[in-house]
Amino acid sequence: GGLVQPGGSLRLSCAASGSIASIKGWYR
């Protein structure tokens, strides 16, 4: 995350301690 201007891009990462098969999605 961070500060970005309108029209810009970011890539968020979610690192898991175990298998990522359990990760269902992103919320805000």
PDB file of all heavy atoms in Angstrom:
ATOM      1  N   GLY A   1       0.818  -1.203   0.000  1.00  0.00           N
ATOM      2  CA  GLY A   1       0.000   0.000   0.000  1.00  0.00           C
ATOM      3  C   GLY A   1       0.855   1.258   0.000  1.00  0.00           C
ATOM      4  O   GLY A   1       2.080   1.204   0.092  1.00  0.00           O
ATOM      5  N   GLY A   2       0.180   2.395  -0.113  1.00  0.00           N
ATOM      6  CA  GLY A   2       0.896   3.661  -0.106  1.00  0.00           C
ATOM      7  C   GLY A   2       0.037   4.779  -0.649  1.00  0.00           C
ATOM      8  O   GLY A   2      -1.173   4.623  -0.831  1.00  0.00           O
ATOM      9  N   LEU A   3       0.690   5.899  -0.891  1.00  0.00           N
ATOM     10  CA  LEU A   3       0.029   7.075  -1.448  1.00  0.00           C
ATOM     11  C   LEU A   3       0.284   7.109  -2.946  1.00  0.00           C
ATOM     12  O   LEU A   3       1.438   7.009  -3.383  1.00  0.00           O
ATOM     13  CB  LEU A   3       0.568   8.337  -0.785  1.00  0.00           C
ATOM     14  CG  LEU A   3       0.096   9.675  -1.361  1.00  0.00           C
ATOM     15  CD1 LEU A   3      -1.409   9.834  -1.189  1.00  0.00           C
ATOM     16  CD2 LEU A   3       0.849  10.822  -0.689  1.00  0.00           C
ATOM     17  N   VAL A   4      -0.771   7.256  -3.727  1.00  0.00           N
ATOM     18  CA  VAL A   4      -0.643   7.277  -5.177  1.00  0.00           C
ATOM     19  C   VAL A   4      -1.607   8.324  -5.732  1.00  0.00           C
ATOM     20  O   VAL A   4      -2.670   8.579  -5.149  1.00  0.00           O
ATOM     21  CB  VAL A   4      -0.922   5.877  -5.769  1.00  0.00           C
ATOM     22  CG1 VAL A   4      -2.349   5.436  -5.493  1.00  0.00           C
ATOM     23  CG2 VAL A   4      -0.611   5.827  -7.249  1.00  0.00           C
ATOM     24  N   GLN A   5      -1.222   8.929  -6.831  1.00  0.00           N
ATOM     25  CA  GLN A   5      -2.088   9.923  -7.472  1.00  0.00           C
ATOM     26  C   GLN A   5      -3.211   9.245  -8.250  1.00  0.00           C
ATOM     27  O   GLN A   5      -3.062   8.089  -8.679  1.00  0.00           O
ATOM     28  CB  GLN A   5      -1.256  10.790  -8.415  1.00  0.00           C
ATOM     29  CG  GLN A   5      -0.268  11.691  -7.707  1.00  0.00           C
ATOM     30  CD  GLN A   5       0.422  12.649  -8.657  1.00  0.00           C
ATOM     31  OE1 GLN A   5       0.425  12.454  -9.869  1.00  0.00           O
ATOM     32  NE2 GLN A   5       1.001  13.710  -8.109  1.00  0.00           N
ATOM     33  N   PRO A   6      -4.318   9.938  -8.429  1.00  0.00           N
ATOM     34  CA  PRO A   6      -5.390   9.374  -9.271  1.00  0.00           C
ATOM     35  C   PRO A   6      -4.857   8.965 -10.632  1.00  0.00           C
ATOM     36  O   PRO A   6      -4.046   9.682 -11.241  1.00  0.00           O
ATOM     37  CB  PRO A   6      -6.380  10.528  -9.372  1.00  0.00           C
ATOM     38  CG  PRO A   6      -6.175  11.311  -8.113  1.00  0.00           C
ATOM     39  CD  PRO A   6      -4.700  11.234  -7.849  1.00  0.00           C
ATOM     40  N   GLY A   7      -5.302   7.789 -11.080  1.00  0.00           N
ATOM     41  CA  GLY A   7      -4.822   7.247 -12.346  1.00  0.00           C
ATOM     42  C   GLY A   7      -3.609   6.352 -12.206  1.00  0.00           C
ATOM     43  O   GLY A   7      -3.219   5.683 -13.176  1.00  0.00           O
ATOM     44  N   GLY A   8      -3.010   6.328 -11.027  1.00  0.00           N
ATOM     45  CA  GLY A   8      -1.825   5.520 -10.800  1.00  0.00           C
ATOM     46  C   GLY A   8      -2.143   4.066 -10.521  1.00  0.00           C
ATOM     47  O   GLY A   8      -3.300   3.642 -10.547  1.00  0.00           O
ATOM     48  N   SER A   9      -1.076   3.309 -10.233  1.00  0.00           N
ATOM     49  CA  SER A   9      -1.201   1.871  -9.999  1.00  0.00           C
ATOM     50  C   SER A   9      -0.450   1.461  -8.738  1.00  0.00           C
ATOM     51  O   SER A   9       0.535   2.102  -8.350  1.00  0.00           O
ATOM     52  CB  SER A   9      -0.627   1.093 -11.188  1.00  0.00           C
ATOM     53  OG  SER A   9      -1.339   1.363 -12.376  1.00  0.00           O
ATOM     54  N   LEU A  10      -0.933   0.399  -8.133  1.00  0.00           N
ATOM     55  CA  LEU A  10      -0.263  -0.247  -7.009  1.00  0.00           C
ATOM     56  C   LEU A  10      -0.487  -1.747  -7.130  1.00  0.00           C
ATOM     57  O   LEU A  10      -1.512  -2.190  -7.676  1.00  0.00           O
ATOM     58  CB  LEU A  10      -0.819   0.227  -5.668  1.00  0.00           C
ATOM     59  CG  LEU A  10      -0.435   1.606  -5.139  1.00  0.00           C
ATOM     60  CD1 LEU A  10      -1.225   1.916  -3.867  1.00  0.00           C
ATOM     61  CD2 LEU A  10       1.058   1.692  -4.859  1.00  0.00           C
ATOM     62  N   ARG A  11       0.453  -2.507  -6.591  1.00  0.00           N
ATOM     63  CA  ARG A  11       0.247  -3.953  -6.490  1.00  0.00           C
ATOM     64  C   ARG A  11       0.380  -4.348  -5.028  1.00  0.00           C
ATOM     65  O   ARG A  11       1.435  -4.161  -4.409  1.00  0.00           O
ATOM     66  CB  ARG A  11       1.251  -4.743  -7.323  1.00  0.00           C
ATOM     67  CG  ARG A  11       0.902  -6.228  -7.369  1.00  0.00           C
ATOM     68  CD  ARG A  11       1.840  -7.035  -8.235  1.00  0.00           C
ATOM     69  NE  ARG A  11       3.097  -7.302  -7.584  1.00  0.00           N
ATOM     70  CZ  ARG A  11       3.931  -8.299  -7.939  1.00  0.00           C
ATOM     71  NH1 ARG A  11       3.591  -9.105  -8.923  1.00  0.00           N
ATOM     72  NH2 ARG A  11       5.075  -8.450  -7.310  1.00  0.00           N
ATOM     73  N   LEU A  12      -0.702  -4.882  -4.498  1.00  0.00           N
ATOM     74  CA  LEU A  12      -0.711  -5.357  -3.123  1.00  0.00           C
ATOM     75  C   LEU A  12      -0.332  -6.836  -3.088  1.00  0.00           C
ATOM     76  O   LEU A  12      -0.654  -7.586  -4.013  1.00  0.00           O
ATOM     77  CB  LEU A  12      -2.087  -5.173  -2.493  1.00  0.00           C
ATOM     78  CG  LEU A  12      -2.681  -3.762  -2.554  1.00  0.00           C
ATOM     79  CD1 LEU A  12      -4.019  -3.742  -1.805  1.00  0.00           C
ATOM     80  CD2 LEU A  12      -1.726  -2.733  -2.000  1.00  0.00           C
ATOM     81  N   SER A  13       0.339  -7.213  -2.015  1.00  0.00           N
ATOM     82  CA  SER A  13       0.722  -8.604  -1.815  1.00  0.00           C
ATOM     83  C   SER A  13       0.150  -9.117  -0.503  1.00  0.00           C
ATOM     84  O   SER A  13       0.091  -8.373   0.479  1.00  0.00           O
ATOM     85  CB  SER A  13       2.245  -8.749  -1.790  1.00  0.00           C
ATOM     86  OG  SER A  13       2.829  -8.317  -3.001  1.00  0.00           O
ATOM     87  N   CYS A  14      -0.237 -10.374  -0.496  1.00  0.00           N
ATOM     88  CA  CYS A  14      -0.702 -11.047   0.713  1.00  0.00           C
ATOM     89  C   CYS A  14       0.096 -12.340   0.836  1.00  0.00           C
ATOM     90  O   CYS A  14      -0.131 -13.283   0.068  1.00  0.00           O
ATOM     91  CB  CYS A  14      -2.189 -11.328   0.631  1.00  0.00           C
ATOM     92  SG  CYS A  14      -2.838 -12.310   2.003  1.00  0.00           S
ATOM     93  N   ALA A  15       1.032 -12.345   1.774  1.00  0.00           N
ATOM     94  CA  ALA A  15       1.865 -13.513   1.985  1.00  0.00           C
ATOM     95  C   ALA A  15       1.264 -14.371   3.091  1.00  0.00           C
ATOM     96  O   ALA A  15       0.897 -13.863   4.155  1.00  0.00           O
ATOM     97  CB  ALA A  15       3.275 -13.086   2.367  1.00  0.00           C
ATOM     98  N   ALA A  16       1.177 -15.677   2.834  1.00  0.00           N
ATOM     99  CA  ALA A  16       0.560 -16.595   3.790  1.00  0.00           C
ATOM    100  C   ALA A  16       1.617 -17.488   4.419  1.00  0.00           C
ATOM    101  O   ALA A  16       2.583 -17.882   3.760  1.00  0.00           O
ATOM    102  CB  ALA A  16      -0.489 -17.442   3.094  1.00  0.00           C
ATOM    103  N   SER A  17       1.373 -17.833   5.696  1.00  0.00           N
ATOM    104  CA  SER A  17       2.314 -18.708   6.400  1.00  0.00           C
ATOM    105  C   SER A  17       2.177 -20.146   5.935  1.00  0.00           C
ATOM    106  O   SER A  17       3.107 -20.937   6.070  1.00  0.00           O
ATOM    107  CB  SER A  17       2.071 -18.627   7.904  1.00  0.00           C
ATOM    108  OG  SER A  17       0.746 -19.034   8.214  1.00  0.00           O
ATOM    109  N   GLY A  18       1.006 -20.473   5.409  1.00  0.00           N
ATOM    110  CA  GLY A  18       0.794 -21.824   4.918  1.00  0.00           C
ATOM    111  C   GLY A  18       0.343 -21.790   3.478  1.00  0.00           C
ATOM    112  O   GLY A  18       0.648 -20.843   2.749  1.00  0.00           O
ATOM    113  N   SER A  19      -0.386 -22.792   3.083  1.00  0.00           N
ATOM    114  CA  SER A  19      -0.870 -22.841   1.712  1.00  0.00           C
ATOM    115  C   SER A  19      -1.798 -21.663   1.426  1.00  0.00           C
ATOM    116  O   SER A  19      -2.628 -21.291   2.246  1.00  0.00           O
ATOM    117  CB  SER A  19      -1.630 -24.140   1.469  1.00  0.00           C
ATOM    118  OG  SER A  19      -2.312 -24.090   0.226  1.00  0.00           O
ATOM    119  N   ILE A  20      -1.648 -21.074   0.243  1.00  0.00           N
ATOM    120  CA  ILE A  20      -2.513 -19.960  -0.121  1.00  0.00           C
ATOM    121  C   ILE A  20      -3.850 -20.439  -0.657  1.00  0.00           C
ATOM    122  O   ILE A  20      -4.685 -19.635  -1.038  1.00  0.00           O
ATOM    123  CB  ILE A  20      -1.843 -19.018  -1.141  1.00  0.00           C
ATOM    124  CG1 ILE A  20      -1.539 -19.763  -2.441  1.00  0.00           C
ATOM    125  CG2 ILE A  20      -0.611 -18.387  -0.550  1.00  0.00           C
ATOM    126  CD1 ILE A  20      -1.077 -18.857  -3.555  1.00  0.00           C
ATOM    127  N   ALA A  21      -4.046 -21.741  -0.689  1.00  0.00           N
ATOM    128  CA  ALA A  21      -5.328 -22.250  -1.182  1.00  0.00           C
ATOM    129  C   ALA A  21      -6.481 -21.764  -0.320  1.00  0.00           C
ATOM    130  O   ALA A  21      -7.615 -21.681  -0.782  1.00  0.00           O
ATOM    131  CB  ALA A  21      -5.312 -23.772  -1.206  1.00  0.00           C
ATOM    132  N   SER A  22      -6.175 -21.435   0.939  1.00  0.00           N
ATOM    133  CA  SER A  22      -7.228 -20.974   1.842  1.00  0.00           C
ATOM    134  C   SER A  22      -7.563 -19.494   1.664  1.00  0.00           C
ATOM    135  O   SER A  22      -8.547 -19.018   2.215  1.00  0.00           O
ATOM    136  CB  SER A  22      -6.811 -21.222   3.291  1.00  0.00           C
ATOM    137  OG  SER A  22      -5.642 -20.496   3.599  1.00  0.00           O
ATOM    138  N   ILE A  23      -6.735 -18.768   0.923  1.00  0.00           N
ATOM    139  CA  ILE A  23      -6.989 -17.329   0.745  1.00  0.00           C
ATOM    140  C   ILE A  23      -8.133 -17.145  -0.237  1.00  0.00           C
ATOM    141  O   ILE A  23      -8.088 -17.627  -1.375  1.00  0.00           O
ATOM    142  CB  ILE A  23      -5.736 -16.592   0.259  1.00  0.00           C
ATOM    143  CG1 ILE A  23      -4.646 -16.676   1.321  1.00  0.00           C
ATOM    144  CG2 ILE A  23      -6.062 -15.137  -0.035  1.00  0.00           C
ATOM    145  CD1 ILE A  23      -3.343 -16.022   0.922  1.00  0.00           C
ATOM    146  N   LYS A  24      -9.171 -16.450   0.218  1.00  0.00           N
ATOM    147  CA  LYS A  24     -10.388 -16.310  -0.572  1.00  0.00           C
ATOM    148  C   LYS A  24     -10.431 -15.017  -1.372  1.00  0.00           C
ATOM    149  O   LYS A  24     -11.069 -14.979  -2.421  1.00  0.00           O
ATOM    150  CB  LYS A  24     -11.617 -16.390   0.338  1.00  0.00           C
ATOM    151  CG  LYS A  24     -11.700 -17.692   1.110  1.00  0.00           C
ATOM    152  CD  LYS A  24     -11.620 -18.909   0.210  1.00  0.00           C
ATOM    153  CE  LYS A  24     -11.681 -20.194   0.996  1.00  0.00           C
ATOM    154  NZ  LYS A  24     -11.474 -21.384   0.136  1.00  0.00           N
ATOM    155  N   GLY A  25      -9.788 -13.968  -0.867  1.00  0.00           N
ATOM    156  CA  GLY A  25      -9.860 -12.744  -1.631  1.00  0.00           C
ATOM    157  C   GLY A  25      -9.378 -11.533  -0.870  1.00  0.00           C
ATOM    158  O   GLY A  25      -8.829 -11.629   0.222  1.00  0.00           O
ATOM    159  N   TRP A  26      -9.585 -10.375  -1.505  1.00  0.00           N
ATOM    160  CA  TRP A  26      -9.231  -9.079  -0.955  1.00  0.00           C
ATOM    161  C   TRP A  26     -10.498  -8.299  -0.602  1.00  0.00           C
ATOM    162  O   TRP A  26     -11.479  -8.325  -1.366  1.00  0.00           O
ATOM    163  CB  TRP A  26      -8.432  -8.271  -1.977  1.00  0.00           C
ATOM    164  CG  TRP A  26      -7.022  -8.721  -2.155  1.00  0.00           C
ATOM    165  CD1 TRP A  26      -6.545  -9.614  -3.069  1.00  0.00           C
ATOM    166  CD2 TRP A  26      -5.897  -8.278  -1.400  1.00  0.00           C
ATOM    167  NE1 TRP A  26      -5.194  -9.754  -2.937  1.00  0.00           N
ATOM    168  CE2 TRP A  26      -4.757  -8.942  -1.914  1.00  0.00           C
ATOM    169  CE3 TRP A  26      -5.709  -7.382  -0.344  1.00  0.00           C
ATOM    170  CZ2 TRP A  26      -3.476  -8.750  -1.409  1.00  0.00           C
ATOM    171  CZ3 TRP A  26      -4.447  -7.191   0.151  1.00  0.00           C
ATOM    172  CH2 TRP A  26      -3.343  -7.866  -0.378  1.00  0.00           C
ATOM    173  N   TYR A  27     -10.427  -7.614   0.527  1.00  0.00           N
ATOM    174  CA  TYR A  27     -11.507  -6.743   0.981  1.00  0.00           C
ATOM    175  C   TYR A  27     -10.913  -5.367   1.262  1.00  0.00           C
ATOM    176  O   TYR A  27      -9.692  -5.224   1.372  1.00  0.00           O
ATOM    177  CB  TYR A  27     -12.123  -7.286   2.270  1.00  0.00           C
ATOM    178  CG  TYR A  27     -12.904  -8.563   2.091  1.00  0.00           C
ATOM    179  CD1 TYR A  27     -12.246  -9.763   1.814  1.00  0.00           C
ATOM    180  CD2 TYR A  27     -14.284  -8.582   2.198  1.00  0.00           C
ATOM    181  CE1 TYR A  27     -12.958 -10.945   1.643  1.00  0.00           C
ATOM    182  CE2 TYR A  27     -15.012  -9.760   2.042  1.00  0.00           C
ATOM    183  CZ  TYR A  27     -14.338 -10.924   1.764  1.00  0.00           C
ATOM    184  OH  TYR A  27     -15.049 -12.090   1.603  1.00  0.00           O
ATOM    185  N   ARG A  28     -11.780  -4.381   1.399  1.00  0.00           N
ATOM    186  CA  ARG A  28     -11.315  -3.055   1.794  1.00  0.00           C
ATOM    187  C   ARG A  28     -12.329  -2.384   2.707  1.00  0.00           C
ATOM    188  O   ARG A  28     -13.524  -2.674   2.647  1.00  0.00           O
ATOM    189  CB  ARG A  28     -11.038  -2.176   0.573  1.00  0.00           C
ATOM    190  CG  ARG A  28     -12.268  -1.779  -0.242  1.00  0.00           C
ATOM    191  CD  ARG A  28     -11.845  -1.014  -1.494  1.00  0.00           C
ATOM    192  NE  ARG A  28     -12.984  -0.602  -2.315  1.00  0.00           N
ATOM    193  CZ  ARG A  28     -12.867  -0.071  -3.528  1.00  0.00           C
ATOM    194  NH1 ARG A  28     -11.662   0.125  -4.070  1.00  0.00           N
ATOM    195  NH2 ARG A  28     -13.948   0.273  -4.205  1.00  0.00           N
TER     196      ARG A  28
END
